Full PDB file with SEQRES, HELIX, SHEET, SSBOND, CRYST1, ORIGX, SCALE, CONECT and MASTER records, all heavy atoms in Angstrom:
SEQRES   1 A   40  ARG GLU GLU SER GLY ARG THR GLN GLU ASP VAL ALA LYS          
SEQRES   2 A   40  ALA MET ASN ARG SER GLN SER VAL VAL SER LYS CYS GLU          
SEQRES   3 A   40  LEU GLY LEU ARG ARG ILE ASP ILE VAL GLU VAL ARG GLN          
SEQRES   4 A   40  TYR                                                          
HELIX    1 AA1 GLN A    8  MET A   15  1                                   8    
HELIX    2 AA2 GLN A   19  LEU A   27  1                                   9    
HELIX    3 AA3 ILE A   34  GLN A   39  1                                   6    
CRYST1    1.000    1.000    1.000  90.00  90.00  90.00 P 1           1          
ORIGX1      1.000000  0.000000  0.000000        0.00000                         
ORIGX2      0.000000  1.000000  0.000000        0.00000                         
ORIGX3      0.000000  0.000000  1.000000        0.00000                         
SCALE1      1.000000  0.000000  0.000000        0.00000                         
SCALE2      0.000000  1.000000  0.000000        0.00000                         
SCALE3      0.000000  0.000000  1.000000        0.00000                         
ATOM      1  N   ARG A   1      69.998 -20.415  56.303  1.00  0.00           N  
ATOM      2  CA  ARG A   1      70.988 -21.295  55.714  1.00  0.00           C  
ATOM      3  C   ARG A   1      72.052 -20.499  55.031  1.00  0.00           C  
ATOM      4  O   ARG A   1      73.302 -20.752  55.160  1.00  0.00           O  
ATOM      5  CB  ARG A   1      70.338 -22.282  54.695  1.00  0.00           C  
ATOM      6  CG  ARG A   1      71.355 -23.169  54.009  1.00  0.00           C  
ATOM      7  CD  ARG A   1      70.782 -24.119  52.994  1.00  0.00           C  
ATOM      8  NE  ARG A   1      69.983 -23.438  51.964  1.00  0.00           N  
ATOM      9  CZ  ARG A   1      70.511 -22.855  50.862  1.00  0.00           C  
ATOM     10  NH1 ARG A   1      71.833 -22.682  50.779  1.00  0.00           N  
ATOM     11  NH2 ARG A   1      69.709 -22.272  49.940  1.00  0.00           N  
ATOM     12  N   GLU A   2      71.654 -19.552  54.242  1.00  0.00           N  
ATOM     13  CA  GLU A   2      72.583 -18.704  53.480  1.00  0.00           C  
ATOM     14  C   GLU A   2      73.479 -17.931  54.420  1.00  0.00           C  
ATOM     15  O   GLU A   2      74.706 -17.826  54.230  1.00  0.00           O  
ATOM     16  CB  GLU A   2      71.844 -17.755  52.606  1.00  0.00           C  
ATOM     17  CG  GLU A   2      71.231 -18.481  51.400  1.00  0.00           C  
ATOM     18  CD  GLU A   2      70.323 -17.689  50.513  1.00  0.00           C  
ATOM     19  OE1 GLU A   2      69.923 -16.468  50.908  1.00  0.00           O  
ATOM     20  OE2 GLU A   2      69.959 -18.123  49.451  1.00  0.00           O  
ATOM     21  N   GLU A   3      72.954 -17.350  55.567  1.00  0.00           N  
ATOM     22  CA  GLU A   3      73.728 -16.655  56.503  1.00  0.00           C  
ATOM     23  C   GLU A   3      74.721 -17.579  57.157  1.00  0.00           C  
ATOM     24  O   GLU A   3      75.813 -17.099  57.579  1.00  0.00           O  
ATOM     25  CB  GLU A   3      72.829 -15.987  57.596  1.00  0.00           C  
ATOM     26  CG  GLU A   3      72.050 -14.825  57.114  1.00  0.00           C  
ATOM     27  CD  GLU A   3      71.124 -14.325  58.164  1.00  0.00           C  
ATOM     28  OE1 GLU A   3      71.273 -14.637  59.377  1.00  0.00           O  
ATOM     29  OE2 GLU A   3      70.071 -13.620  57.867  1.00  0.00           O  
ATOM     30  N   SER A   4      74.389 -18.833  57.264  1.00  0.00           N  
ATOM     31  CA  SER A   4      75.303 -19.758  57.978  1.00  0.00           C  
ATOM     32  C   SER A   4      76.454 -20.196  57.069  1.00  0.00           C  
ATOM     33  O   SER A   4      77.448 -20.830  57.482  1.00  0.00           O  
ATOM     34  CB  SER A   4      74.563 -21.026  58.448  1.00  0.00           C  
ATOM     35  OG  SER A   4      74.225 -21.882  57.357  1.00  0.00           O  
ATOM     36  N   GLY A   5      76.372 -19.881  55.760  1.00  0.00           N  
ATOM     37  CA  GLY A   5      77.343 -20.234  54.819  1.00  0.00           C  
ATOM     38  C   GLY A   5      77.182 -21.708  54.338  1.00  0.00           C  
ATOM     39  O   GLY A   5      78.107 -22.185  53.687  1.00  0.00           O  
ATOM     40  N   ARG A   6      76.078 -22.319  54.677  1.00  0.00           N  
ATOM     41  CA  ARG A   6      75.967 -23.770  54.302  1.00  0.00           C  
ATOM     42  C   ARG A   6      75.110 -23.839  52.963  1.00  0.00           C  
ATOM     43  O   ARG A   6      74.326 -22.988  52.686  1.00  0.00           O  
ATOM     44  CB  ARG A   6      75.188 -24.530  55.394  1.00  0.00           C  
ATOM     45  CG  ARG A   6      76.154 -24.699  56.612  1.00  0.00           C  
ATOM     46  CD  ARG A   6      75.472 -25.352  57.771  1.00  0.00           C  
ATOM     47  NE  ARG A   6      76.361 -25.580  58.924  1.00  0.00           N  
ATOM     48  CZ  ARG A   6      76.568 -24.707  59.885  1.00  0.00           C  
ATOM     49  NH1 ARG A   6      76.033 -23.472  59.858  1.00  0.00           N  
ATOM     50  NH2 ARG A   6      77.383 -25.018  60.881  1.00  0.00           N  
ATOM     51  N   THR A   7      75.504 -24.840  52.268  1.00  0.00           N  
ATOM     52  CA  THR A   7      74.794 -25.110  50.983  1.00  0.00           C  
ATOM     53  C   THR A   7      73.646 -26.096  51.157  1.00  0.00           C  
ATOM     54  O   THR A   7      73.568 -26.760  52.238  1.00  0.00           O  
ATOM     55  CB  THR A   7      75.747 -25.723  49.888  1.00  0.00           C  
ATOM     56  OG1 THR A   7      76.196 -27.002  50.431  1.00  0.00           O  
ATOM     57  CG2 THR A   7      76.937 -24.849  49.704  1.00  0.00           C  
ATOM     58  N   GLN A   8      72.841 -26.259  50.165  1.00  0.00           N  
ATOM     59  CA  GLN A   8      71.738 -27.280  50.252  1.00  0.00           C  
ATOM     60  C   GLN A   8      72.414 -28.671  50.446  1.00  0.00           C  
ATOM     61  O   GLN A   8      71.886 -29.510  51.174  1.00  0.00           O  
ATOM     62  CB  GLN A   8      70.900 -27.263  48.964  1.00  0.00           C  
ATOM     63  CG  GLN A   8      69.952 -26.064  48.872  1.00  0.00           C  
ATOM     64  CD  GLN A   8      69.137 -26.117  47.626  1.00  0.00           C  
ATOM     65  OE1 GLN A   8      69.352 -26.912  46.684  1.00  0.00           O  
ATOM     66  NE2 GLN A   8      68.089 -25.221  47.619  1.00  0.00           N  
ATOM     67  N   GLU A   9      73.519 -28.875  49.750  1.00  0.00           N  
ATOM     68  CA  GLU A   9      74.221 -30.198  49.893  1.00  0.00           C  
ATOM     69  C   GLU A   9      74.694 -30.393  51.292  1.00  0.00           C  
ATOM     70  O   GLU A   9      74.520 -31.504  51.856  1.00  0.00           O  
ATOM     71  CB  GLU A   9      75.429 -30.193  48.949  1.00  0.00           C  
ATOM     72  CG  GLU A   9      76.119 -31.541  48.897  1.00  0.00           C  
ATOM     73  CD  GLU A   9      75.269 -32.685  48.284  1.00  0.00           C  
ATOM     74  OE1 GLU A   9      74.491 -32.450  47.397  1.00  0.00           O  
ATOM     75  OE2 GLU A   9      75.430 -33.828  48.790  1.00  0.00           O  
ATOM     76  N   ASP A  10      75.177 -29.362  51.988  1.00  0.00           N  
ATOM     77  CA  ASP A  10      75.624 -29.440  53.363  1.00  0.00           C  
ATOM     78  C   ASP A  10      74.390 -29.862  54.274  1.00  0.00           C  
ATOM     79  O   ASP A  10      74.528 -30.748  55.132  1.00  0.00           O  
ATOM     80  CB  ASP A  10      76.167 -28.108  53.889  1.00  0.00           C  
ATOM     81  CG  ASP A  10      77.471 -27.677  53.219  1.00  0.00           C  
ATOM     82  OD1 ASP A  10      78.197 -28.534  52.705  1.00  0.00           O  
ATOM     83  OD2 ASP A  10      77.688 -26.484  53.170  1.00  0.00           O  
ATOM     84  N   VAL A  11      73.310 -29.182  54.037  1.00  0.00           N  
ATOM     85  CA  VAL A  11      72.086 -29.452  54.844  1.00  0.00           C  
ATOM     86  C   VAL A  11      71.576 -30.924  54.534  1.00  0.00           C  
ATOM     87  O   VAL A  11      71.291 -31.653  55.446  1.00  0.00           O  
ATOM     88  CB  VAL A  11      70.990 -28.433  54.468  1.00  0.00           C  
ATOM     89  CG1 VAL A  11      69.672 -28.799  55.218  1.00  0.00           C  
ATOM     90  CG2 VAL A  11      71.422 -27.048  54.963  1.00  0.00           C  
ATOM     91  N   ALA A  12      71.604 -31.265  53.271  1.00  0.00           N  
ATOM     92  CA  ALA A  12      71.168 -32.610  52.891  1.00  0.00           C  
ATOM     93  C   ALA A  12      71.950 -33.666  53.604  1.00  0.00           C  
ATOM     94  O   ALA A  12      71.476 -34.672  54.127  1.00  0.00           O  
ATOM     95  CB  ALA A  12      71.228 -32.764  51.377  1.00  0.00           C  
ATOM     96  N   LYS A  13      73.282 -33.579  53.583  1.00  0.00           N  
ATOM     97  CA  LYS A  13      74.153 -34.506  54.227  1.00  0.00           C  
ATOM     98  C   LYS A  13      73.816 -34.576  55.719  1.00  0.00           C  
ATOM     99  O   LYS A  13      73.773 -35.687  56.320  1.00  0.00           O  
ATOM    100  CB  LYS A  13      75.658 -34.090  54.079  1.00  0.00           C  
ATOM    101  CG  LYS A  13      76.116 -34.475  52.655  1.00  0.00           C  
ATOM    102  CD  LYS A  13      77.557 -34.142  52.539  1.00  0.00           C  
ATOM    103  CE  LYS A  13      78.073 -34.313  51.103  1.00  0.00           C  
ATOM    104  NZ  LYS A  13      79.458 -33.863  50.837  1.00  0.00           N  
ATOM    105  N   ALA A  14      73.670 -33.462  56.427  1.00  0.00           N  
ATOM    106  CA  ALA A  14      73.399 -33.408  57.777  1.00  0.00           C  
ATOM    107  C   ALA A  14      72.044 -34.032  58.155  1.00  0.00           C  
ATOM    108  O   ALA A  14      71.891 -34.635  59.264  1.00  0.00           O  
ATOM    109  CB  ALA A  14      73.475 -32.018  58.352  1.00  0.00           C  
ATOM    110  N   MET A  15      71.156 -33.943  57.229  1.00  0.00           N  
ATOM    111  CA  MET A  15      69.778 -34.485  57.407  1.00  0.00           C  
ATOM    112  C   MET A  15      69.637 -35.901  56.831  1.00  0.00           C  
ATOM    113  O   MET A  15      68.531 -36.506  56.929  1.00  0.00           O  
ATOM    114  CB  MET A  15      68.714 -33.562  56.785  1.00  0.00           C  
ATOM    115  CG  MET A  15      68.578 -32.224  57.436  1.00  0.00           C  
ATOM    116  SD  MET A  15      67.411 -31.164  56.534  1.00  0.00           S  
ATOM    117  CE  MET A  15      65.865 -32.058  56.840  1.00  0.00           C  
ATOM    118  N   ASN A  16      70.653 -36.432  56.295  1.00  0.00           N  
ATOM    119  CA  ASN A  16      70.667 -37.795  55.622  1.00  0.00           C  
ATOM    120  C   ASN A  16      69.565 -37.849  54.523  1.00  0.00           C  
ATOM    121  O   ASN A  16      68.815 -38.712  54.462  1.00  0.00           O  
ATOM    122  CB  ASN A  16      70.421 -38.856  56.686  1.00  0.00           C  
ATOM    123  CG  ASN A  16      70.887 -40.234  56.149  1.00  0.00           C  
ATOM    124  OD1 ASN A  16      71.736 -40.325  55.263  1.00  0.00           O  
ATOM    125  ND2 ASN A  16      70.262 -41.215  56.638  1.00  0.00           N  
ATOM    126  N   ARG A  17      69.602 -36.785  53.743  1.00  0.00           N  
ATOM    127  CA  ARG A  17      68.642 -36.659  52.589  1.00  0.00           C  
ATOM    128  C   ARG A  17      69.436 -36.290  51.430  1.00  0.00           C  
ATOM    129  O   ARG A  17      70.622 -35.980  51.362  1.00  0.00           O  
ATOM    130  CB  ARG A  17      67.637 -35.532  52.875  1.00  0.00           C  
ATOM    131  CG  ARG A  17      66.813 -35.678  54.080  1.00  0.00           C  
ATOM    132  CD  ARG A  17      65.554 -36.369  53.761  1.00  0.00           C  
ATOM    133  NE  ARG A  17      64.567 -36.256  54.845  1.00  0.00           N  
ATOM    134  CZ  ARG A  17      64.199 -37.263  55.555  1.00  0.00           C  
ATOM    135  NH1 ARG A  17      64.607 -38.415  55.361  1.00  0.00           N  
ATOM    136  NH2 ARG A  17      63.273 -36.997  56.450  1.00  0.00           N  
ATOM    137  N   SER A  18      68.799 -36.264  50.229  1.00  0.00           N  
ATOM    138  CA  SER A  18      69.435 -35.841  48.998  1.00  0.00           C  
ATOM    139  C   SER A  18      69.326 -34.343  48.891  1.00  0.00           C  
ATOM    140  O   SER A  18      68.422 -33.702  49.488  1.00  0.00           O  
ATOM    141  CB  SER A  18      68.912 -36.512  47.849  1.00  0.00           C  
ATOM    142  OG  SER A  18      67.557 -36.091  47.576  1.00  0.00           O  
ATOM    143  N   GLN A  19      70.236 -33.693  48.116  1.00  0.00           N  
ATOM    144  CA  GLN A  19      70.179 -32.302  47.880  1.00  0.00           C  
ATOM    145  C   GLN A  19      68.879 -31.877  47.240  1.00  0.00           C  
ATOM    146  O   GLN A  19      68.256 -30.846  47.424  1.00  0.00           O  
ATOM    147  CB  GLN A  19      71.357 -31.860  47.043  1.00  0.00           C  
ATOM    148  CG  GLN A  19      71.374 -30.374  46.683  1.00  0.00           C  
ATOM    149  CD  GLN A  19      70.620 -30.027  45.399  1.00  0.00           C  
ATOM    150  OE1 GLN A  19      70.548 -30.898  44.544  1.00  0.00           O  
ATOM    151  NE2 GLN A  19      70.067 -28.805  45.377  1.00  0.00           N  
ATOM    152  N   SER A  20      68.367 -32.739  46.330  1.00  0.00           N  
ATOM    153  CA  SER A  20      67.112 -32.507  45.594  1.00  0.00           C  
ATOM    154  C   SER A  20      65.930 -32.424  46.588  1.00  0.00           C  
ATOM    155  O   SER A  20      65.013 -31.647  46.389  1.00  0.00           O  
ATOM    156  CB  SER A  20      66.873 -33.544  44.486  1.00  0.00           C  
ATOM    157  OG  SER A  20      66.584 -34.807  45.093  1.00  0.00           O  
ATOM    158  N   VAL A  21      65.943 -33.211  47.659  1.00  0.00           N  
ATOM    159  CA  VAL A  21      64.849 -33.074  48.655  1.00  0.00           C  
ATOM    160  C   VAL A  21      64.874 -31.789  49.343  1.00  0.00           C  
ATOM    161  O   VAL A  21      63.848 -31.112  49.527  1.00  0.00           O  
ATOM    162  CB  VAL A  21      64.885 -34.243  49.665  1.00  0.00           C  
ATOM    163  CG1 VAL A  21      64.058 -34.030  50.884  1.00  0.00           C  
ATOM    164  CG2 VAL A  21      64.609 -35.614  49.013  1.00  0.00           C  
ATOM    165  N   VAL A  22      66.046 -31.308  49.748  1.00  0.00           N  
ATOM    166  CA  VAL A  22      66.219 -30.010  50.391  1.00  0.00           C  
ATOM    167  C   VAL A  22      65.761 -28.889  49.367  1.00  0.00           C  
ATOM    168  O   VAL A  22      65.044 -28.030  49.763  1.00  0.00           O  
ATOM    169  CB  VAL A  22      67.688 -29.724  50.841  1.00  0.00           C  
ATOM    170  CG1 VAL A  22      67.877 -28.333  51.363  1.00  0.00           C  
ATOM    171  CG2 VAL A  22      68.029 -30.820  51.957  1.00  0.00           C  
ATOM    172  N   SER A  23      66.171 -29.039  48.154  1.00  0.00           N  
ATOM    173  CA  SER A  23      65.739 -28.041  47.187  1.00  0.00           C  
ATOM    174  C   SER A  23      64.254 -27.977  46.989  1.00  0.00           C  
ATOM    175  O   SER A  23      63.641 -26.901  46.968  1.00  0.00           O  
ATOM    176  CB  SER A  23      66.451 -28.323  45.813  1.00  0.00           C  
ATOM    177  OG  SER A  23      65.961 -27.463  44.778  1.00  0.00           O  
ATOM    178  N   LYS A  24      63.653 -29.155  46.921  1.00  0.00           N  
ATOM    179  CA  LYS A  24      62.228 -29.191  46.731  1.00  0.00           C  
ATOM    180  C   LYS A  24      61.418 -28.597  47.973  1.00  0.00           C  
ATOM    181  O   LYS A  24      60.430 -27.903  47.814  1.00  0.00           O  
ATOM    182  CB  LYS A  24      61.690 -30.606  46.486  1.00  0.00           C  
ATOM    183  CG  LYS A  24      62.104 -31.148  45.083  1.00  0.00           C  
ATOM    184  CD  LYS A  24      61.701 -32.604  44.900  1.00  0.00           C  
ATOM    185  CE  LYS A  24      62.119 -33.043  43.518  1.00  0.00           C  
ATOM    186  NZ  LYS A  24      61.904 -34.453  43.337  1.00  0.00           N  
ATOM    187  N   CYS A  25      62.044 -28.857  49.148  1.00  0.00           N  
ATOM    188  CA  CYS A  25      61.414 -28.285  50.345  1.00  0.00           C  
ATOM    189  C   CYS A  25      61.591 -26.722  50.311  1.00  0.00           C  
ATOM    190  O   CYS A  25      60.577 -26.054  50.546  1.00  0.00           O  
ATOM    191  CB  CYS A  25      62.155 -28.774  51.564  1.00  0.00           C  
ATOM    192  SG  CYS A  25      61.762 -30.499  52.022  1.00  0.00           S  
ATOM    193  N   GLU A  26      62.713 -26.283  49.984  1.00  0.00           N  
ATOM    194  CA  GLU A  26      62.991 -24.744  49.919  1.00  0.00           C  
ATOM    195  C   GLU A  26      62.067 -24.094  48.868  1.00  0.00           C  
ATOM    196  O   GLU A  26      61.677 -22.953  49.027  1.00  0.00           O  
ATOM    197  CB  GLU A  26      64.459 -24.463  49.652  1.00  0.00           C  
ATOM    198  CG  GLU A  26      65.282 -24.768  50.914  1.00  0.00           C  
ATOM    199  CD  GLU A  26      66.761 -24.341  50.723  1.00  0.00           C  
ATOM    200  OE1 GLU A  26      67.104 -23.810  49.634  1.00  0.00           O  
ATOM    201  OE2 GLU A  26      67.474 -24.533  51.671  1.00  0.00           O  
ATOM    202  N   LEU A  27      61.806 -24.800  47.723  1.00  0.00           N  
ATOM    203  CA  LEU A  27      60.967 -24.247  46.758  1.00  0.00           C  
ATOM    204  C   LEU A  27      59.446 -24.385  47.028  1.00  0.00           C  
ATOM    205  O   LEU A  27      58.636 -23.798  46.266  1.00  0.00           O  
ATOM    206  CB  LEU A  27      61.313 -24.976  45.373  1.00  0.00           C  
ATOM    207  CG  LEU A  27      62.651 -24.684  44.841  1.00  0.00           C  
ATOM    208  CD1 LEU A  27      62.946 -25.581  43.598  1.00  0.00           C  
ATOM    209  CD2 LEU A  27      62.747 -23.205  44.328  1.00  0.00           C  
ATOM    210  N   GLY A  28      59.160 -25.165  48.081  1.00  0.00           N  
ATOM    211  CA  GLY A  28      57.760 -25.342  48.360  1.00  0.00           C  
ATOM    212  C   GLY A  28      57.089 -26.470  47.592  1.00  0.00           C  
ATOM    213  O   GLY A  28      55.841 -26.630  47.563  1.00  0.00           O  
ATOM    214  N   LEU A  29      57.909 -27.270  46.846  1.00  0.00           N  
ATOM    215  CA  LEU A  29      57.354 -28.306  46.080  1.00  0.00           C  
ATOM    216  C   LEU A  29      57.204 -29.605  46.926  1.00  0.00           C  
ATOM    217  O   LEU A  29      56.480 -30.528  46.530  1.00  0.00           O  
ATOM    218  CB  LEU A  29      58.349 -28.690  44.933  1.00  0.00           C  
ATOM    219  CG  LEU A  29      58.628 -27.574  43.970  1.00  0.00           C  
ATOM    220  CD1 LEU A  29      59.671 -27.939  42.945  1.00  0.00           C  
ATOM    221  CD2 LEU A  29      57.282 -27.109  43.246  1.00  0.00           C  
ATOM    222  N   ARG A  30      57.853 -29.634  48.099  1.00  0.00           N  
ATOM    223  CA  ARG A  30      57.815 -30.723  49.053  1.00  0.00           C  
ATOM    224  C   ARG A  30      57.516 -30.131  50.417  1.00  0.00           C  
ATOM    225  O   ARG A  30      58.264 -29.293  50.795  1.00  0.00           O  
ATOM    226  CB  ARG A  30      59.013 -31.581  49.062  1.00  0.00           C  
ATOM    227  CG  ARG A  30      58.922 -32.790  49.949  1.00  0.00           C  
ATOM    228  CD  ARG A  30      60.336 -33.493  50.113  1.00  0.00           C  
ATOM    229  NE  ARG A  30      60.236 -34.619  50.959  1.00  0.00           N  
ATOM    230  CZ  ARG A  30      60.367 -34.526  52.281  1.00  0.00           C  
ATOM    231  NH1 ARG A  30      60.545 -33.318  52.848  1.00  0.00           N  
ATOM    232  NH2 ARG A  30      60.379 -35.566  53.018  1.00  0.00           N  
ATOM    233  N   ARG A  31      56.461 -30.643  51.061  1.00  0.00           N  
ATOM    234  CA  ARG A  31      56.112 -30.091  52.351  1.00  0.00           C  
ATOM    235  C   ARG A  31      57.149 -30.578  53.368  1.00  0.00           C  
ATOM    236  O   ARG A  31      57.586 -31.649  53.410  1.00  0.00           O  
ATOM    237  CB  ARG A  31      54.701 -30.672  52.757  1.00  0.00           C  
ATOM    238  CG  ARG A  31      54.252 -30.150  54.048  1.00  0.00           C  
ATOM    239  CD  ARG A  31      53.006 -29.310  53.798  1.00  0.00           C  
ATOM    240  NE  ARG A  31      52.471 -28.947  55.123  1.00  0.00           N  
ATOM    241  CZ  ARG A  31      52.416 -27.663  55.478  1.00  0.00           C  
ATOM    242  NH1 ARG A  31      52.874 -26.717  54.763  1.00  0.00           N  
ATOM    243  NH2 ARG A  31      51.947 -27.381  56.675  1.00  0.00           N  
ATOM    244  N   ILE A  32      57.555 -29.601  54.232  1.00  0.00           N  
ATOM    245  CA  ILE A  32      58.503 -29.895  55.273  1.00  0.00           C  
ATOM    246  C   ILE A  32      57.769 -29.922  56.662  1.00  0.00           C  
ATOM    247  O   ILE A  32      56.961 -29.019  56.901  1.00  0.00           O  
ATOM    248  CB  ILE A  32      59.642 -28.896  55.290  1.00  0.00           C  
ATOM    249  CG1 ILE A  32      60.745 -29.284  56.274  1.00  0.00           C  
ATOM    250  CG2 ILE A  32      59.170 -27.461  55.450  1.00  0.00           C  
ATOM    251  CD1 ILE A  32      62.054 -28.511  56.143  1.00  0.00           C  
ATOM    252  N   ASP A  33      57.953 -30.984  57.430  1.00  0.00           N  
ATOM    253  CA  ASP A  33      57.202 -31.044  58.695  1.00  0.00           C  
ATOM    254  C   ASP A  33      58.083 -30.520  59.831  1.00  0.00           C  
ATOM    255  O   ASP A  33      59.256 -30.228  59.606  1.00  0.00           O  
ATOM    256  CB  ASP A  33      56.739 -32.545  58.907  1.00  0.00           C  
ATOM    257  CG  ASP A  33      57.794 -33.506  59.158  1.00  0.00           C  
ATOM    258  OD1 ASP A  33      58.855 -33.160  59.625  1.00  0.00           O  
ATOM    259  OD2 ASP A  33      57.551 -34.709  58.863  1.00  0.00           O  
ATOM    260  N   ILE A  34      57.545 -30.517  60.959  1.00  0.00           N  
ATOM    261  CA  ILE A  34      58.179 -29.945  62.152  1.00  0.00           C  
ATOM    262  C   ILE A  34      59.447 -30.688  62.505  1.00  0.00           C  
ATOM    263  O   ILE A  34      60.470 -30.067  62.923  1.00  0.00           O  
ATOM    264  CB  ILE A  34      57.205 -29.835  63.341  1.00  0.00           C  
ATOM    265  CG1 ILE A  34      57.816 -28.935  64.475  1.00  0.00           C  
ATOM    266  CG2 ILE A  34      56.880 -31.187  63.912  1.00  0.00           C  
ATOM    267  CD1 ILE A  34      57.716 -27.441  64.127  1.00  0.00           C  
ATOM    268  N   VAL A  35      59.432 -32.013  62.408  1.00  0.00           N  
ATOM    269  CA  VAL A  35      60.661 -32.776  62.709  1.00  0.00           C  
ATOM    270  C   VAL A  35      61.803 -32.427  61.705  1.00  0.00           C  
ATOM    271  O   VAL A  35      62.913 -32.206  62.094  1.00  0.00           O  
ATOM    272  CB  VAL A  35      60.382 -34.278  62.611  1.00  0.00           C  
ATOM    273  CG1 VAL A  35      61.577 -35.154  62.722  1.00  0.00           C  
ATOM    274  CG2 VAL A  35      59.325 -34.633  63.695  1.00  0.00           C  
ATOM    275  N   GLU A  36      61.490 -32.260  60.462  1.00  0.00           N  
ATOM    276  CA  GLU A  36      62.418 -31.819  59.440  1.00  0.00           C  
ATOM    277  C   GLU A  36      62.887 -30.409  59.676  1.00  0.00           C  
ATOM    278  O   GLU A  36      64.120 -30.099  59.399  1.00  0.00           O  
ATOM    279  CB  GLU A  36      61.877 -32.071  58.028  1.00  0.00           C  
ATOM    280  CG  GLU A  36      61.684 -33.480  57.681  1.00  0.00           C  
ATOM    281  CD  GLU A  36      60.935 -33.682  56.364  1.00  0.00           C  
ATOM    282  OE1 GLU A  36      59.915 -32.955  56.176  1.00  0.00           O  
ATOM    283  OE2 GLU A  36      61.372 -34.552  55.513  1.00  0.00           O  
ATOM    284  N   VAL A  37      61.970 -29.555  60.071  1.00  0.00           N  
ATOM    285  CA  VAL A  37      62.435 -28.184  60.352  1.00  0.00           C  
ATOM    286  C   VAL A  37      63.491 -28.175  61.457  1.00  0.00           C  
ATOM    287  O   VAL A  37      64.527 -27.491  61.412  1.00  0.00           O  
ATOM    288  CB  VAL A  37      61.231 -27.260  60.747  1.00  0.00           C  
ATOM    289  CG1 VAL A  37      61.682 -25.941  61.269  1.00  0.00           C  
ATOM    290  CG2 VAL A  37      60.333 -27.063  59.564  1.00  0.00           C  
ATOM    291  N   ARG A  38      63.262 -28.982  62.467  1.00  0.00           N  
ATOM    292  CA  ARG A  38      64.217 -29.085  63.618  1.00  0.00           C  
ATOM    293  C   ARG A  38      65.552 -29.672  63.081  1.00  0.00           C  
ATOM    294  O   ARG A  38      66.645 -29.136  63.428  1.00  0.00           O  
ATOM    295  CB  ARG A  38      63.676 -29.944  64.744  1.00  0.00           C  
ATOM    296  CG  ARG A  38      64.631 -30.009  65.926  1.00  0.00           C  
ATOM    297  CD  ARG A  38      63.962 -30.768  67.065  1.00  0.00           C  
ATOM    298  NE  ARG A  38      64.887 -30.855  68.185  1.00  0.00           N  
ATOM    299  CZ  ARG A  38      65.712 -31.825  68.336  1.00  0.00           C  
ATOM    300  NH1 ARG A  38      65.832 -32.813  67.465  1.00  0.00           N  
ATOM    301  NH2 ARG A  38      66.589 -31.816  69.362  1.00  0.00           N  
ATOM    302  N   GLN A  39      65.499 -30.671  62.230  1.00  0.00           N  
ATOM    303  CA  GLN A  39      66.770 -31.242  61.659  1.00  0.00           C  
ATOM    304  C   GLN A  39      67.469 -30.180  60.793  1.00  0.00           C  
ATOM    305  O   GLN A  39      68.666 -30.073  60.843  1.00  0.00           O  
ATOM    306  CB  GLN A  39      66.411 -32.442  60.866  1.00  0.00           C  
ATOM    307  CG  GLN A  39      65.954 -33.704  61.580  1.00  0.00           C  
ATOM    308  CD  GLN A  39      65.493 -34.769  60.756  1.00  0.00           C  
ATOM    309  OE1 GLN A  39      65.218 -34.578  59.518  1.00  0.00           O  
ATOM    310  NE2 GLN A  39      65.353 -35.970  61.224  1.00  0.00           N  
ATOM    311  N   TYR A  40      66.688 -29.473  60.027  1.00  0.00           N  
ATOM    312  CA  TYR A  40      67.185 -28.419  59.132  1.00  0.00           C  
ATOM    313  C   TYR A  40      67.951 -27.360  60.029  1.00  0.00           C  
ATOM    314  O   TYR A  40      69.100 -26.906  59.727  1.00  0.00           O  
ATOM    315  CB  TYR A  40      66.096 -27.752  58.369  1.00  0.00           C  
ATOM    316  CG  TYR A  40      66.515 -26.839  57.287  1.00  0.00           C  
ATOM    317  CD1 TYR A  40      66.370 -27.231  55.935  1.00  0.00           C  
ATOM    318  CD2 TYR A  40      66.955 -25.549  57.555  1.00  0.00           C  
ATOM    319  CE1 TYR A  40      66.767 -26.406  54.920  1.00  0.00           C  
ATOM    320  CE2 TYR A  40      67.347 -24.687  56.492  1.00  0.00           C  
ATOM    321  CZ  TYR A  40      67.139 -25.119  55.197  1.00  0.00           C  
ATOM    322  OH  TYR A  40      67.552 -24.234  54.235  1.00  0.00           O  
TER     323      TYR A  40                                                      
MASTER        0    0    0    3    0    0    0    6  322    1    0    4          
END                                                                             
C-alpha cells in the first residue's frame, strides 16, 4: 500500500469500508479474510 502511494483512506473508499476498519486490519486488531485481501 505504501509503495503504491495510497493511503488507508484511499483503500477504505475502494473497499467501501471506513478508514478505521482498514487501520484495525493493518494493526491486526481485526481479522482480514481472503475476500478482503483480494479487495485490498
